[in-house]
Amino acid sequence: MSTLIIKPPKHLSLEKAKAALENLDFEIVTNEYTEPYAKVSEAELRSIDEGLEEAKKGVFIPHNEVMKGLRELIENWKNGRSNDYLVAKS
């Protein structure tokens, strides 16, 4: 037996798609399938929303500054130095 997963177009309901396939002698095997997703907490969602709002207002750290800090963080880690001072302060 081969398995085929079908995602009907938005304008076609799942029930209508099933009926059409059954009319073509397809066997419908019901299986709960969910799209894989990352579980994100409410706090994380709020933080993401806050970050998006800040970005809209132009409140963000430019990419080159982030990369500079990251390079420094990696170098310190390689050399066994502390990176405590690089932690963002609110």
C-alpha atoms as a PDB file:
ATOM      1  CA  MET A   1       0.000   0.000   0.000  1.00  0.00           C
ATOM      2  CA  SER A   2       1.282   3.458  -0.890  1.00  0.00           C
ATOM      3  CA  THR A   3       0.468   6.478   1.211  1.00  0.00           C
ATOM      4  CA  LEU A   4      -0.386   9.840  -0.268  1.00  0.00           C
ATOM      5  CA  ILE A   5      -0.866  12.977   1.810  1.00  0.00           C
ATOM      6  CA  ILE A   6      -3.114  15.552   0.196  1.00  0.00           C
ATOM      7  CA  LYS A   7      -3.594  19.155   1.236  1.00  0.00           C
ATOM      8  CA  PRO A   8      -6.674  20.518  -0.537  1.00  0.00           C
ATOM      9  CA  PRO A   9      -6.622  24.073  -1.898  1.00  0.00           C
ATOM     10  CA  LYS A  10      -8.092  26.742   0.361  1.00  0.00           C
ATOM     11  CA  HIS A  11     -11.301  27.010  -1.666  1.00  0.00           C
ATOM     12  CA  LEU A  12     -12.036  23.264  -1.269  1.00  0.00           C
ATOM     13  CA  SER A  13     -13.095  21.802   2.066  1.00  0.00           C
ATOM     14  CA  LEU A  14     -11.490  18.634   3.344  1.00  0.00           C
ATOM     15  CA  GLU A  15     -14.857  16.857   3.246  1.00  0.00           C
ATOM     16  CA  LYS A  16     -15.370  17.718  -0.428  1.00  0.00           C
ATOM     17  CA  ALA A  17     -11.839  16.576  -1.246  1.00  0.00           C
ATOM     18  CA  LYS A  18     -12.467  13.264   0.553  1.00  0.00           C
ATOM     19  CA  ALA A  19     -15.746  12.778  -1.320  1.00  0.00           C
ATOM     20  CA  ALA A  20     -14.065  13.448  -4.674  1.00  0.00           C
ATOM     21  CA  LEU A  21     -11.302  10.946  -3.927  1.00  0.00           C
ATOM     22  CA  GLU A  22     -13.778   8.318  -2.754  1.00  0.00           C
ATOM     23  CA  ASN A  23     -15.669   8.773  -6.049  1.00  0.00           C
ATOM     24  CA  LEU A  24     -12.399   7.849  -7.779  1.00  0.00           C
ATOM     25  CA  ASP A  25     -12.181   4.675  -5.623  1.00  0.00           C
ATOM     26  CA  PHE A  26      -9.445   6.002  -3.355  1.00  0.00           C
ATOM     27  CA  GLU A  27      -9.469   4.467   0.112  1.00  0.00           C
ATOM     28  CA  ILE A  28      -9.458   7.174   2.775  1.00  0.00           C
ATOM     29  CA  VAL A  29      -7.523   6.233   5.899  1.00  0.00           C
ATOM     30  CA  THR A  30      -8.098   8.724   8.681  1.00  0.00           C
ATOM     31  CA  ASN A  31      -4.918   9.665  10.446  1.00  0.00           C
ATOM     32  CA  GLU A  32      -4.413  12.703  12.610  1.00  0.00           C
ATOM     33  CA  TYR A  33      -1.633  14.616  10.935  1.00  0.00           C
ATOM     34  CA  THR A  34      -0.382  17.862  12.325  1.00  0.00           C
ATOM     35  CA  GLU A  35       2.162  20.169  10.810  1.00  0.00           C
ATOM     36  CA  PRO A  36       5.415  20.058  12.738  1.00  0.00           C
ATOM     37  CA  TYR A  37       5.849  23.187  14.788  1.00  0.00           C
ATOM     38  CA  ALA A  38       7.974  24.492  17.562  1.00  0.00           C
ATOM     39  CA  LYS A  39       6.269  24.889  20.892  1.00  0.00           C
ATOM     40  CA  VAL A  40       6.516  28.524  21.848  1.00  0.00           C
ATOM     41  CA  SER A  41       5.477  29.764  25.271  1.00  0.00           C
ATOM     42  CA  GLU A  42       3.236  32.775  25.817  1.00  0.00           C
ATOM     43  CA  ALA A  43       6.219  34.658  27.276  1.00  0.00           C
ATOM     44  CA  GLU A  44       8.279  33.921  24.157  1.00  0.00           C
ATOM     45  CA  LEU A  45       5.428  35.084  21.909  1.00  0.00           C
ATOM     46  CA  ARG A  46       5.153  38.327  23.899  1.00  0.00           C
ATOM     47  CA  SER A  47       8.900  38.831  23.606  1.00  0.00           C
ATOM     48  CA  ILE A  48       8.752  38.279  19.844  1.00  0.00           C
ATOM     49  CA  ASP A  49       5.871  40.763  19.539  1.00  0.00           C
ATOM     50  CA  GLU A  50       7.798  43.322  21.601  1.00  0.00           C
ATOM     51  CA  GLY A  51      10.842  42.881  19.385  1.00  0.00           C
ATOM     52  CA  LEU A  52       8.768  43.341  16.236  1.00  0.00           C
ATOM     53  CA  GLU A  53       7.215  46.510  17.643  1.00  0.00           C
ATOM     54  CA  GLU A  54      10.662  47.856  18.571  1.00  0.00           C
ATOM     55  CA  ALA A  55      11.943  47.077  15.079  1.00  0.00           C
ATOM     56  CA  LYS A  56       9.016  48.998  13.563  1.00  0.00           C
ATOM     57  CA  LYS A  57      10.052  51.980  15.712  1.00  0.00           C
ATOM     58  CA  GLY A  58      13.671  51.629  14.629  1.00  0.00           C
ATOM     59  CA  VAL A  59      14.833  50.392  18.036  1.00  0.00           C
ATOM     60  CA  PHE A  60      17.276  47.617  17.244  1.00  0.00           C
ATOM     61  CA  ILE A  61      20.954  46.769  17.107  1.00  0.00           C
ATOM     62  CA  PRO A  62      22.439  46.969  13.598  1.00  0.00           C
ATOM     63  CA  HIS A  63      23.634  43.678  12.098  1.00  0.00           C
ATOM     64  CA  ASN A  64      27.289  44.729  11.967  1.00  0.00           C
ATOM     65  CA  GLU A  65      27.263  45.531  15.710  1.00  0.00           C
ATOM     66  CA  VAL A  66      25.699  42.159  16.522  1.00  0.00           C
ATOM     67  CA  MET A  67      28.315  40.375  14.411  1.00  0.00           C
ATOM     68  CA  LYS A  68      31.134  42.356  16.049  1.00  0.00           C
ATOM     69  CA  GLY A  69      29.859  41.336  19.494  1.00  0.00           C
ATOM     70  CA  LEU A  70      29.516  37.734  18.369  1.00  0.00           C
ATOM     71  CA  ARG A  71      33.085  37.628  17.071  1.00  0.00           C
ATOM     72  CA  GLU A  72      34.279  39.068  20.383  1.00  0.00           C
ATOM     73  CA  LEU A  73      32.209  36.538  22.319  1.00  0.00           C
ATOM     74  CA  ILE A  74      33.709  33.649  20.330  1.00  0.00           C
ATOM     75  CA  GLU A  75      37.263  34.944  20.725  1.00  0.00           C
ATOM     76  CA  ASN A  76      36.806  35.319  24.479  1.00  0.00           C
ATOM     77  CA  TRP A  77      35.369  31.814  24.687  1.00  0.00           C
ATOM     78  CA  LYS A  78      38.321  30.411  22.713  1.00  0.00           C
ATOM     79  CA  ASN A  79      40.760  32.217  25.028  1.00  0.00           C
ATOM     80  CA  GLY A  80      38.936  31.238  28.228  1.00  0.00           C
ATOM     81  CA  ARG A  81      37.890  34.792  29.093  1.00  0.00           C
ATOM     82  CA  SER A  82      34.557  35.791  30.627  1.00  0.00           C
ATOM     83  CA  ASN A  83      31.794  37.154  28.423  1.00  0.00           C
ATOM     84  CA  ASP A  84      29.664  38.522  31.261  1.00  0.00           C
ATOM     85  CA  TYR A  85      30.146  42.107  30.148  1.00  0.00           C
ATOM     86  CA  LEU A  86      28.654  41.319  26.708  1.00  0.00           C
ATOM     87  CA  VAL A  87      25.251  40.406  28.125  1.00  0.00           C
ATOM     88  CA  ALA A  88      22.652  42.933  26.951  1.00  0.00           C
ATOM     89  CA  LYS A  89      21.471  45.255  29.649  1.00  0.00           C
ATOM     90  CA  SER A  90      17.881  46.506  29.649  1.00  0.00           C
END
